[in-house]
Amino acid sequence: MIQRIQTVYLAFGALLSGLLLSGPIVKFFGPAGEDYLLMYNGIFLSENNNPVLAERSIPLAILIIAVTLLYIVSIFLFKNRRLQIRLTVFSTLLNIGSFLLIIYYAFISGKNIEAEVIFSIKMVFPLAGSIAGYLAFRGILKDELLVKSYDRIR
């Protein structure tokens, strides 16, 4: 049942997670006028449009890539709804974890480099992806209960 509404929710969650892989998530403005960018794979010092790595963020990169892949895999598990439910719940929890990790990097790194934190719209992508994951979970669960009810009627 790949044409169901939960497929749209899962694709939306995967799209939002995939958009985090490009461009800055959070910007920092240092006291001396330098610009720092928090991207999915680290914090970069932006010098003349040539970013230089200041600090790595491997856990954030792993979480964002894992969430994107798990949402995509969940789309194609429509025949195994129980596994699809588990993967959807797991990827939704990982998405919330990536949001918390972004906040952690924003405030701790901003404090370490004594910079002002400027959040972008990408900051809400993990939360919106989590909401989409929850809505997909509800749709998948509704389908599972419908199939079970048809088995009882026979």
C-alpha atoms as a PDB file:
ATOM      1  CA  MET A   1       0.000   0.000   0.000  1.00  0.00           C
ATOM      2  CA  ILE A   2       2.574   2.472  -1.112  1.00  0.00           C
ATOM      3  CA  GLN A   3      -0.082   5.033  -2.088  1.00  0.00           C
ATOM      4  CA  ARG A   4      -1.328   5.504   1.476  1.00  0.00           C
ATOM      5  CA  ILE A   5      -1.070   8.784   3.401  1.00  0.00           C
ATOM      6  CA  GLN A   6       1.623   7.433   5.727  1.00  0.00           C
ATOM      7  CA  THR A   7       3.902   7.174   2.686  1.00  0.00           C
ATOM      8  CA  VAL A   8       3.503  10.901   2.178  1.00  0.00           C
ATOM      9  CA  TYR A   9       4.336  11.518   5.844  1.00  0.00           C
ATOM     10  CA  LEU A  10       7.389   9.276   5.689  1.00  0.00           C
ATOM     11  CA  ALA A  11       8.571  10.929   2.463  1.00  0.00           C
ATOM     12  CA  PHE A  12       8.078  14.359   4.044  1.00  0.00           C
ATOM     13  CA  GLY A  13      10.131  13.309   7.086  1.00  0.00           C
ATOM     14  CA  ALA A  14      12.873  11.925   4.830  1.00  0.00           C
ATOM     15  CA  LEU A  15      12.866  15.122   2.774  1.00  0.00           C
ATOM     16  CA  LEU A  16      13.196  17.323   5.838  1.00  0.00           C
ATOM     17  CA  SER A  17      16.015  15.186   7.218  1.00  0.00           C
ATOM     18  CA  GLY A  18      17.715  15.190   3.834  1.00  0.00           C
ATOM     19  CA  LEU A  19      17.520  18.991   3.675  1.00  0.00           C
ATOM     20  CA  LEU A  20      19.560  19.144   6.872  1.00  0.00           C
ATOM     21  CA  LEU A  21      22.444  17.612   4.931  1.00  0.00           C
ATOM     22  CA  SER A  22      22.898  20.775   2.873  1.00  0.00           C
ATOM     23  CA  GLY A  23      23.648  24.237   4.142  1.00  0.00           C
ATOM     24  CA  PRO A  24      24.034  25.611   7.643  1.00  0.00           C
ATOM     25  CA  ILE A  25      21.629  24.704  10.410  1.00  0.00           C
ATOM     26  CA  VAL A  26      22.773  27.351  12.899  1.00  0.00           C
ATOM     27  CA  LYS A  27      24.959  30.431  12.428  1.00  0.00           C
ATOM     28  CA  PHE A  28      27.260  31.967  15.010  1.00  0.00           C
ATOM     29  CA  PHE A  29      28.661  35.478  15.035  1.00  0.00           C
ATOM     30  CA  GLY A  30      31.873  35.742  17.019  1.00  0.00           C
ATOM     31  CA  PRO A  31      33.008  38.745  19.066  1.00  0.00           C
ATOM     32  CA  ALA A  32      35.677  39.693  16.505  1.00  0.00           C
ATOM     33  CA  GLY A  33      33.215  39.575  13.610  1.00  0.00           C
ATOM     34  CA  GLU A  34      33.969  36.041  12.428  1.00  0.00           C
ATOM     35  CA  ASP A  35      31.152  33.830  11.193  1.00  0.00           C
ATOM     36  CA  TYR A  36      30.730  30.194  12.255  1.00  0.00           C
ATOM     37  CA  LEU A  37      28.319  27.734  10.674  1.00  0.00           C
ATOM     38  CA  LEU A  38      26.914  24.575  12.275  1.00  0.00           C
ATOM     39  CA  MET A  39      26.413  22.086   9.488  1.00  0.00           C
ATOM     40  CA  TYR A  40      25.485  18.426   9.801  1.00  0.00           C
ATOM     41  CA  ASN A  41      29.139  17.320   9.893  1.00  0.00           C
ATOM     42  CA  GLY A  42      30.714  20.022  12.025  1.00  0.00           C
ATOM     43  CA  ILE A  43      31.191  23.637  12.927  1.00  0.00           C
ATOM     44  CA  PHE A  44      32.959  25.639  10.248  1.00  0.00           C
ATOM     45  CA  LEU A  45      34.631  29.029  10.344  1.00  0.00           C
ATOM     46  CA  SER A  46      33.434  30.888   7.273  1.00  0.00           C
ATOM     47  CA  GLU A  47      36.285  32.862   5.714  1.00  0.00           C
ATOM     48  CA  ASN A  48      35.636  34.475   2.311  1.00  0.00           C
ATOM     49  CA  ASN A  49      33.056  31.778   1.408  1.00  0.00           C
ATOM     50  CA  ASN A  50      35.694  29.125   2.103  1.00  0.00           C
ATOM     51  CA  PRO A  51      34.616  27.209   5.233  1.00  0.00           C
ATOM     52  CA  VAL A  52      37.362  25.871   7.505  1.00  0.00           C
ATOM     53  CA  LEU A  53      36.531  23.063   9.949  1.00  0.00           C
ATOM     54  CA  ALA A  54      36.625  24.263  13.556  1.00  0.00           C
ATOM     55  CA  GLU A  55      34.973  21.301  15.318  1.00  0.00           C
ATOM     56  CA  ARG A  56      33.597  17.956  14.141  1.00  0.00           C
ATOM     57  CA  SER A  57      30.101  16.733  14.994  1.00  0.00           C
ATOM     58  CA  ILE A  58      30.134  13.090  13.944  1.00  0.00           C
ATOM     59  CA  PRO A  59      27.188  12.030  16.175  1.00  0.00           C
ATOM     60  CA  LEU A  60      24.968  14.638  14.534  1.00  0.00           C
ATOM     61  CA  ALA A  61      25.997  13.480  11.068  1.00  0.00           C
ATOM     62  CA  ILE A  62      25.286   9.858  11.965  1.00  0.00           C
ATOM     63  CA  LEU A  63      21.861  10.705  13.406  1.00  0.00           C
ATOM     64  CA  ILE A  64      20.743  12.827  10.461  1.00  0.00           C
ATOM     65  CA  ILE A  65      21.883  10.281   7.868  1.00  0.00           C
ATOM     66  CA  ALA A  66      20.335   7.401   9.848  1.00  0.00           C
ATOM     67  CA  VAL A  67      16.987   9.184  10.180  1.00  0.00           C
ATOM     68  CA  THR A  68      16.886   9.918   6.455  1.00  0.00           C
ATOM     69  CA  LEU A  69      17.712   6.333   5.522  1.00  0.00           C
ATOM     70  CA  LEU A  70      15.294   4.818   8.047  1.00  0.00           C
ATOM     71  CA  TYR A  71      12.413   6.924   6.774  1.00  0.00           C
ATOM     72  CA  ILE A  72      13.195   5.884   3.196  1.00  0.00           C
ATOM     73  CA  VAL A  73      13.457   2.201   4.160  1.00  0.00           C
ATOM     74  CA  SER A  74      10.172   2.462   6.084  1.00  0.00           C
ATOM     75  CA  ILE A  75       8.385   3.619   2.950  1.00  0.00           C
ATOM     76  CA  PHE A  76       9.178   0.356   1.185  1.00  0.00           C
ATOM     77  CA  LEU A  77       8.241  -1.919   4.094  1.00  0.00           C
ATOM     78  CA  PHE A  78       4.511  -1.552   3.493  1.00  0.00           C
ATOM     79  CA  LYS A  79       4.026  -5.330   3.329  1.00  0.00           C
ATOM     80  CA  ASN A  80       5.559  -5.827   6.778  1.00  0.00           C
ATOM     81  CA  ARG A  81       3.609  -3.310   8.843  1.00  0.00           C
ATOM     82  CA  ARG A  82       4.967  -4.371  12.234  1.00  0.00           C
ATOM     83  CA  LEU A  83       8.549  -3.751  11.136  1.00  0.00           C
ATOM     84  CA  GLN A  84       7.433  -0.539   9.449  1.00  0.00           C
ATOM     85  CA  ILE A  85       5.907   0.636  12.732  1.00  0.00           C
ATOM     86  CA  ARG A  86       9.085  -0.167  14.653  1.00  0.00           C
ATOM     87  CA  LEU A  87      11.338   1.589  12.176  1.00  0.00           C
ATOM     88  CA  THR A  88       9.051   4.613  12.074  1.00  0.00           C
ATOM     89  CA  VAL A  89       8.987   4.950  15.859  1.00  0.00           C
ATOM     90  CA  PHE A  90      12.759   4.431  16.070  1.00  0.00           C
ATOM     91  CA  SER A  91      13.482   7.005  13.366  1.00  0.00           C
ATOM     92  CA  THR A  92      11.090   9.479  15.010  1.00  0.00           C
ATOM     93  CA  LEU A  93      12.946   9.098  18.309  1.00  0.00           C
ATOM     94  CA  LEU A  94      16.273   9.523  16.511  1.00  0.00           C
ATOM     95  CA  ASN A  95      14.888  12.646  14.868  1.00  0.00           C
ATOM     96  CA  ILE A  96      14.025  14.100  18.281  1.00  0.00           C
ATOM     97  CA  GLY A  97      17.532  13.140  19.413  1.00  0.00           C
ATOM     98  CA  SER A  98      19.046  14.985  16.461  1.00  0.00           C
ATOM     99  CA  PHE A  99      17.056  18.093  17.410  1.00  0.00           C
ATOM    100  CA  LEU A 100      18.366  17.892  20.976  1.00  0.00           C
ATOM    101  CA  LEU A 101      21.905  17.381  19.682  1.00  0.00           C
ATOM    102  CA  ILE A 102      21.596  20.441  17.426  1.00  0.00           C
ATOM    103  CA  ILE A 103      20.514  22.499  20.435  1.00  0.00           C
ATOM    104  CA  TYR A 104      23.411  21.082  22.451  1.00  0.00           C
ATOM    105  CA  TYR A 105      25.954  21.968  19.765  1.00  0.00           C
ATOM    106  CA  ALA A 106      24.404  25.405  19.298  1.00  0.00           C
ATOM    107  CA  PHE A 107      24.569  26.414  22.937  1.00  0.00           C
ATOM    108  CA  ILE A 108      27.740  24.625  24.058  1.00  0.00           C
ATOM    109  CA  SER A 109      29.756  25.579  20.987  1.00  0.00           C
ATOM    110  CA  GLY A 110      28.350  29.091  21.032  1.00  0.00           C
ATOM    111  CA  LYS A 111      29.430  29.391  24.643  1.00  0.00           C
ATOM    112  CA  ASN A 112      32.900  27.969  23.905  1.00  0.00           C
ATOM    113  CA  ILE A 113      33.626  30.395  21.077  1.00  0.00           C
ATOM    114  CA  GLU A 114      31.772  33.237  22.845  1.00  0.00           C
ATOM    115  CA  ALA A 115      29.539  33.823  19.857  1.00  0.00           C
ATOM    116  CA  GLU A 116      25.980  34.961  19.351  1.00  0.00           C
ATOM    117  CA  VAL A 117      23.730  32.140  18.142  1.00  0.00           C
ATOM    118  CA  ILE A 118      21.428  32.804  15.179  1.00  0.00           C
ATOM    119  CA  PHE A 119      18.954  30.003  14.469  1.00  0.00           C
ATOM    120  CA  SER A 120      17.707  29.350  10.947  1.00  0.00           C
ATOM    121  CA  ILE A 121      14.468  27.809   9.748  1.00  0.00           C
ATOM    122  CA  LYS A 122      16.262  24.459   9.446  1.00  0.00           C
ATOM    123  CA  MET A 123      16.200  24.276  13.222  1.00  0.00           C
ATOM    124  CA  VAL A 124      12.553  23.166  13.138  1.00  0.00           C
ATOM    125  CA  PHE A 125      13.055  20.506  10.447  1.00  0.00           C
ATOM    126  CA  PRO A 126      13.749  17.686  12.949  1.00  0.00           C
ATOM    127  CA  LEU A 127      10.634  18.596  14.940  1.00  0.00           C
ATOM    128  CA  ALA A 128       8.475  18.750  11.820  1.00  0.00           C
ATOM    129  CA  GLY A 129       9.980  15.430  10.697  1.00  0.00           C
ATOM    130  CA  SER A 130       9.138  13.935  14.092  1.00  0.00           C
ATOM    131  CA  ILE A 131       5.544  15.098  13.780  1.00  0.00           C
ATOM    132  CA  ALA A 132       5.394  13.568  10.291  1.00  0.00           C
ATOM    133  CA  GLY A 133       6.829  10.335  11.716  1.00  0.00           C
ATOM    134  CA  TYR A 134       4.173  10.290  14.409  1.00  0.00           C
ATOM    135  CA  LEU A 135       1.416  10.843  11.849  1.00  0.00           C
ATOM    136  CA  ALA A 136       2.878   8.036   9.713  1.00  0.00           C
ATOM    137  CA  PHE A 137       2.906   5.776  12.781  1.00  0.00           C
ATOM    138  CA  ARG A 138      -0.783   6.484  13.360  1.00  0.00           C
ATOM    139  CA  GLY A 139      -1.620   5.714   9.729  1.00  0.00           C
ATOM    140  CA  ILE A 140       0.338   2.467   9.731  1.00  0.00           C
ATOM    141  CA  LEU A 141      -1.259   1.413  13.018  1.00  0.00           C
ATOM    142  CA  LYS A 142      -4.705   2.189  11.619  1.00  0.00           C
ATOM    143  CA  ASP A 143      -3.974  -0.044   8.599  1.00  0.00           C
ATOM    144  CA  GLU A 144      -2.703  -2.835  10.843  1.00  0.00           C
ATOM    145  CA  LEU A 145      -5.831  -2.715  12.988  1.00  0.00           C
ATOM    146  CA  LEU A 146      -8.028  -2.693   9.870  1.00  0.00           C
ATOM    147  CA  VAL A 147      -6.299  -5.803   8.490  1.00  0.00           C
ATOM    148  CA  LYS A 148      -6.645  -7.550  11.861  1.00  0.00           C
ATOM    149  CA  SER A 149     -10.353  -6.739  11.979  1.00  0.00           C
ATOM    150  CA  TYR A 150     -10.834  -8.324   8.559  1.00  0.00           C
ATOM    151  CA  ASP A 151      -9.082 -11.469   9.786  1.00  0.00           C
ATOM    152  CA  ARG A 152     -11.514 -11.711  12.701  1.00  0.00           C
ATOM    153  CA  ILE A 153     -14.542 -11.478  10.425  1.00  0.00           C
ATOM    154  CA  ARG A 154     -13.534 -14.576   8.443  1.00  0.00           C
END
